[in-house]
Every structure is written in C-alpha cells, then in structure tokens.
C-alpha cells in the first residue's frame, strides 16, 4: 500500500458523499495503491450509516466506529494504527480541505521531508476561528522555534514512520508538527486552497484557545524535559532553596545582633517556606530522574536512528551481489 488517507468524521453526513467522490477521482488519477480510513468519532446525525454504505460499495475503504465522541486526537491515533500506506494523508471531512492538493503534498514528501503541513494561506473561516488561530500560531512559533503558519491544519502528509513514532492524546493533534519536529523529523509547509464550509457547523468554539495553551505547555515541557526532569525541577528548587537560605541567614544575623525580634516577621515565614518548597522540588526532580532512568534501561537505543551505514554492512551487501 503506497498511500493511506485518514479522515476523522463527526457529524458530517451531508459532506461525506461529496468528499468520497472527489477523493476517488483524485486518488485514481495518481496511479498509486491507496486506501481511505474513515474514523467515525461518535457521530449522531447519520454519518455512520453513510460510511457503512460507502464501505460496502468500495473495498478500499475502512471504517472505524468509535463507541462515543473521544475527540480528534484519538480518532487520528486510531487511523494511524490502521493505516498500511507508506505515506499517510490526513484531512478533515467538512469539504474545506481540497483533495487536489494531495499531489502537491506528495511532491514535497518526495523532496525528502517527513511531514508536510497544508498552510491555509487564504482562509475562509469566521473571525471567531481565525483570530484565536492567529494568536495560537504566533505564540507557538515563539515558544518552539518551529516556523509554520498553520500548526493545526487538518491537511497534512507524513511518512508512515512519523505516524508510528508520535503519540497524540487529549487535544495534541493541534501540535503534530511540533511533536514531529521534537522527534527529529523534517517538517515543512506549502500553501493550499481552503474552502468555505458548505454543510453543518464548526465543532470548535473560542474555548479551544485556552485548551490549546495548556496543550502547548504540555508539548514544550515533555519535549524539553522528558529525559532530564531534574533540569527543570532541580533548577527551580535550587533557586528557591538558595533564596530561602539567604533570607534566613540575614534574619539570623539580625537575631545575633539583637536589633529586633524575628519570630513574628513575615520574612521568616517566607524564608522557611522557600527552603521547604525548594527541597521538595529537588526531591521530585530526583524521583523523576529515577523513573526516566528505569524507562530508558528498557528502551531500545536505536529507536531514534533513521538509518545505519557501516563498512561491514556495505561489505556484506557487496559480497552478496558478487
């Protein structure tokens, strides 16, 4: 299988027949072996029945039906698990993504990139979506250094290795390019056509900006301190302990000099509190290091290696050909 399309579906009954027709026309023109994986994420509007009918008519379609609405991240994770293609395309089911952009995404993959994001340069969405998206993308670029304009674009192409490597849950689908970048994959973007929504309504409200902010903190924290938690907890704990020591040393000097009593001074409470919390953070960091060390001992060191080239392997290959 050369190409797998993974499409999460949630209450898109009117869009699905049109999407299927456009996709088949485009995919058959590519001349590749392909499959379409629809993940029905707890639809209640009849989308499930439409997907079942499409699957019964076309064996190249796979339909995964969730027990309830678990969210887009888990739907994508299910699709990635089922996908058999060398390259995986993700797109939304609302007809806003353009199937004719698939060859352009694949061309960029052929250049050597591991993940290509479709940048909705001219976006046809209401301000309630575009403004939060603009703010979120600017903040994400600032915090991560990944210079993409549309982190949360549903239209992406990726090598199957990317989908097998990254782990997405909660609402982390917004940051697939960031997670892939932190895992060492080459990420880029291309401008793509974006359409107005024809049917139904958006499933996302203004609250996603706050949730996205928490998710971004999760991604940045896990990426930077997953294997060295003591660098974070230890740094903060050491600073707080040092400040507490300085404050208490100052108060101790005042007590010896007899300038004024220190037992009722708020500064004493602050100094003791800083020392206690600082030591606790250092302890948390050390415990986290022990946990990471235990996990790393069971991990395969070659999990992060793309390719191994050696004289011995080249010689073996040469001898075999001879």
Foldseek 3Di string as FASTA:
>chain_A
DAEEEQEEDAAQQPQQVVVVVQQVVQVVVVVDDYAYEYEDQAHDNCNVVVLVVVCVVDVSYHYHYDPHHQDDQVSVLVSLVPDDHQKYWFAYRQPFAHSNCVVVQVVVVVVPFFKEAADQPPEDDDPQPPVLQQVLQVVLCVLQVDDDRQQQHRTMMGGSLLSVPDHTHDHCSSHSVSRSVLLPGGYYYDYGGTDHGDDDDDPDGSVVSVVSVVSSVVSSCCSPPVQQLCVPLVVQLVVLLVVLVVLVVVQVVCVVVVPDDDPPPVSNVSSVVSNVSSVVSNVVRVVSNVVSVVVVVPDDPCSSPDDDDDPVVVVVVVVVVD
